[in-house]
């Protein structure tokens, strides 16, 4: 019996060690920063620079940052949509889930700027009646929220001519736009 007591004691110590180790790993995982969360450094560089764009000039997809959020239950829908938009030339912003109180059937384009030319350009690629002006800004650039009934992008032009002068926040990589390259590209 003495040998059996020794084996039982060793087994109990090993199991207690595993329990404590698992608790430490679990606690550290629970307190760890989430991937894709806000940057720890609040002095991060801006993603866009405000520019005055004159009436008659064009805004192109490469000058528009888009963030896509899943407002439905289809896994990976936001990421797939962002990939499709970047293939059309848009600059990738954030991707993630929309807040739980937001309900979208197909797709909505959100902008905090009234008559935002960037939002109109993105909306053309998502279909009719998709623009909504909101107080809430979910990510960098124009926000797109896709729902379960969203089936994909529609055929659309990759540039849009401004009706009137507008202050537009262009991605840092493309700001300020080259006026000579714009004139040569027409």
Protein backbone atom coordinates (compact mmCIF):
# COMPACT_ATOMS: atom_id res chain seq x y z
CA UNK A 1 0.00 0.00 0.00
CA UNK A 2 2.83 2.36 0.64
CA UNK A 3 3.82 2.35 -3.05
CA UNK A 4 0.23 3.15 -4.08
CA UNK A 5 0.19 6.17 -1.71
CA UNK A 6 3.40 7.52 -3.27
CA UNK A 7 1.96 7.18 -6.80
CA UNK A 8 -1.29 8.85 -5.70
CA UNK A 9 0.61 11.75 -4.09
CA UNK A 10 2.77 12.29 -7.21
CA UNK A 11 -0.32 12.14 -9.43
CA UNK A 12 -2.15 14.69 -7.26
CA UNK A 13 0.83 17.11 -7.35
CA UNK A 14 1.07 16.75 -11.15
CA UNK A 15 -2.66 17.41 -11.58
CA UNK A 16 -2.51 20.43 -9.23
CA UNK A 17 0.45 21.77 -11.25
CA UNK A 18 -1.53 21.38 -14.48
CA UNK A 19 -4.51 23.15 -12.92
CA UNK A 20 -2.41 26.09 -11.72
CA UNK A 21 -0.59 26.31 -15.08
CA UNK A 22 -3.89 26.26 -16.97
CA UNK A 23 -5.30 28.97 -14.68
CA UNK A 24 -2.24 31.21 -15.29
CA UNK A 25 -2.42 30.74 -19.09
CA UNK A 26 -6.17 31.34 -19.07
CA UNK A 27 -5.86 34.49 -16.94
CA UNK A 28 -3.14 35.90 -19.20
CA UNK A 29 -5.19 35.10 -22.32
CA UNK A 30 -8.25 36.74 -20.85
CA UNK A 31 -6.34 39.95 -20.07
CA UNK A 32 -4.39 40.04 -23.36
CA UNK A 33 -5.10 42.75 -25.92
CA UNK A 34 -7.45 41.63 -28.67
CA UNK A 35 -5.96 41.29 -32.16
CA UNK A 36 -7.04 44.11 -34.47
CA UNK A 37 -7.93 46.28 -31.48
CA UNK A 38 -7.06 49.93 -31.17
CA UNK A 39 -3.36 50.70 -31.42
CA UNK A 40 -1.58 51.03 -28.11
CA UNK A 41 0.09 54.19 -29.37
CA UNK A 42 -2.44 57.02 -29.64
CA UNK A 43 0.04 59.13 -31.60
CA UNK A 44 -0.42 56.97 -34.71
CA UNK A 45 -0.10 58.72 -38.03
CA UNK A 46 -3.34 59.95 -39.63
CA UNK A 47 -4.78 57.73 -42.35
CA UNK A 48 -5.90 60.67 -44.48
CA UNK A 49 -5.19 64.32 -45.18
CA UNK A 50 -7.95 66.89 -45.85
CA UNK A 51 -7.75 68.41 -49.34
CA UNK A 52 -9.87 70.96 -51.17
CA UNK A 53 -11.02 69.36 -54.42
CA UNK A 54 -12.48 71.67 -57.04
CA UNK A 55 -15.76 71.17 -58.88
CA UNK A 56 -15.23 69.19 -62.07
CA UNK A 57 -12.23 67.24 -60.73
CA UNK A 58 -12.46 63.49 -60.28
CA UNK A 59 -12.14 61.36 -57.19
CA UNK A 60 -10.86 57.90 -58.00
CA UNK A 61 -11.17 54.64 -56.08
CA UNK A 62 -7.46 54.75 -55.17
CA UNK A 63 -8.19 57.99 -53.28
CA UNK A 64 -10.91 56.47 -51.07
CA UNK A 65 -10.30 54.43 -47.92
CA UNK A 66 -13.09 51.95 -47.12
CA UNK A 67 -13.80 50.09 -43.87
CA UNK A 68 -16.25 47.17 -44.03
CA UNK A 69 -18.27 45.80 -41.13
CA UNK A 70 -20.45 42.69 -41.00
CA UNK A 71 -24.01 43.55 -39.95
CA UNK A 72 -25.28 40.01 -40.43
CA UNK A 73 -24.45 36.47 -39.43
CA UNK A 74 -22.55 35.29 -42.54
CA UNK A 75 -18.99 34.63 -41.40
CA UNK A 76 -16.26 36.36 -43.41
CA UNK A 77 -18.67 38.58 -45.37
CA UNK A 78 -16.98 41.85 -44.37
CA UNK A 79 -13.52 40.55 -45.29
CA UNK A 80 -14.73 39.21 -48.66
CA UNK A 81 -16.39 42.53 -49.44
CA UNK A 82 -13.29 44.53 -48.51
CA UNK A 83 -11.17 42.27 -50.74
CA UNK A 84 -13.59 42.85 -53.64
CA UNK A 85 -13.46 46.62 -53.08
CA UNK A 86 -9.65 46.66 -52.96
CA UNK A 87 -9.55 44.72 -56.24
CA UNK A 88 -11.47 47.67 -57.69
CA UNK A 89 -8.83 50.06 -56.41
CA UNK A 90 -10.20 51.24 -53.06
CA UNK A 91 -7.76 51.57 -50.15
CA UNK A 92 -8.36 49.02 -47.38
CA UNK A 93 -9.34 50.39 -44.00
CA UNK A 94 -10.70 48.31 -41.10
CA UNK A 95 -12.73 45.12 -41.22
CA UNK A 96 -14.85 43.67 -38.42
CA UNK A 97 -18.32 43.21 -37.02
CA UNK A 98 -20.83 46.05 -36.86
CA UNK A 99 -22.21 46.98 -33.43
CA UNK A 100 -24.98 44.56 -32.45
CA UNK A 101 -27.68 47.25 -32.51
CA UNK A 102 -27.12 47.89 -36.25
CA UNK A 103 -29.41 45.92 -38.54
CA UNK A 104 -28.68 45.93 -42.29
CA UNK A 105 -30.35 43.66 -44.86
CA UNK A 106 -28.08 44.17 -47.90
CA UNK A 107 -25.54 46.99 -47.69
CA UNK A 108 -25.26 50.54 -46.41
CA UNK A 109 -22.58 53.16 -46.93
CA UNK A 110 -22.13 55.40 -43.91
CA UNK A 111 -20.52 58.81 -43.98
CA UNK A 112 -20.39 61.55 -41.37
CA UNK A 113 -20.13 64.14 -44.19
CA UNK A 114 -23.28 65.30 -45.99
CA UNK A 115 -23.06 64.77 -49.79
CA UNK A 116 -19.69 63.02 -49.42
CA UNK A 117 -18.32 62.27 -52.89
CA UNK A 118 -16.27 59.38 -51.50
CA UNK A 119 -19.43 57.77 -50.08
CA UNK A 120 -21.24 58.27 -53.40
CA UNK A 121 -18.38 56.55 -55.27
CA UNK A 122 -18.43 53.57 -52.89
CA UNK A 123 -22.23 53.39 -53.03
CA UNK A 124 -22.14 53.06 -56.81
CA UNK A 125 -20.27 49.79 -56.36
CA UNK A 126 -22.80 48.43 -53.85
CA UNK A 127 -26.09 49.20 -55.57
CA UNK A 128 -28.95 51.68 -55.37
CA UNK A 129 -30.13 53.44 -52.21
CA UNK A 130 -27.22 52.46 -49.99
CA UNK A 131 -25.96 55.81 -48.60
CA UNK A 132 -26.82 56.78 -45.04
CA UNK A 133 -25.44 59.80 -43.23
CA UNK A 134 -24.56 58.91 -39.66
CA UNK A 135 -23.07 60.57 -36.61
CA UNK A 136 -21.12 57.42 -35.79
CA UNK A 137 -17.80 56.75 -37.54
CA UNK A 138 -16.87 53.07 -37.26
CA UNK A 139 -13.50 53.03 -39.00
CA UNK A 140 -11.11 54.95 -41.23
CA UNK A 141 -12.58 56.38 -44.41
CA UNK A 142 -16.04 55.52 -45.65
CA UNK A 143 -17.88 52.85 -43.64
CA UNK A 144 -19.68 49.99 -45.38
CA UNK A 145 -22.00 47.69 -43.46
CA UNK A 146 -23.05 44.48 -45.19
CA UNK A 147 -25.94 42.23 -44.20
CA UNK A 148 -26.98 38.65 -44.92
CA UNK A 149 -28.76 39.52 -48.18
CA UNK A 150 -25.74 41.26 -49.71
CA UNK A 151 -24.78 39.35 -52.87
CA UNK A 152 -21.76 41.29 -54.12
CA UNK A 153 -20.59 44.38 -55.92
CA UNK A 154 -22.31 45.77 -58.98
CA UNK A 155 -20.64 47.11 -62.10
CA UNK A 156 -19.63 50.75 -61.63
CA UNK A 157 -17.11 53.35 -62.78
CA UNK A 158 -13.94 53.81 -60.79
CA UNK A 159 -14.12 57.60 -60.61
CA UNK A 160 -16.67 60.28 -59.93
CA UNK A 161 -16.64 63.93 -60.95
CA UNK A 162 -17.36 66.44 -58.19
CA UNK A 163 -20.46 68.61 -58.66
CA UNK A 164 -19.12 71.35 -56.39
CA UNK A 165 -15.96 72.15 -54.44
CA UNK A 166 -15.58 69.84 -51.47
CA UNK A 167 -13.10 69.24 -48.67
CA UNK A 168 -12.19 65.56 -48.95
CA UNK A 169 -9.99 63.48 -46.67
CA UNK A 170 -7.71 61.58 -49.06
CA UNK A 171 -5.52 58.64 -48.00
CA UNK A 172 -2.04 59.76 -47.00
CA UNK A 173 -0.45 57.74 -49.83
CA UNK A 174 -2.42 59.62 -52.50
CA UNK A 175 -2.63 63.07 -50.88
CA UNK A 176 -2.09 65.63 -52.20
CA UNK A 177 -3.30 64.49 -55.62
CA UNK A 178 -1.05 65.39 -58.49
CA UNK A 179 -2.89 67.95 -60.62
CA UNK A 180 -0.73 67.21 -63.69
CA UNK A 181 -1.21 63.45 -63.42
CA UNK A 182 -4.97 64.03 -63.03
CA UNK A 183 -5.07 66.19 -66.14
CA UNK A 184 -2.97 63.69 -68.12
CA UNK A 185 -5.15 60.77 -66.97
CA UNK A 186 -8.36 62.16 -68.48
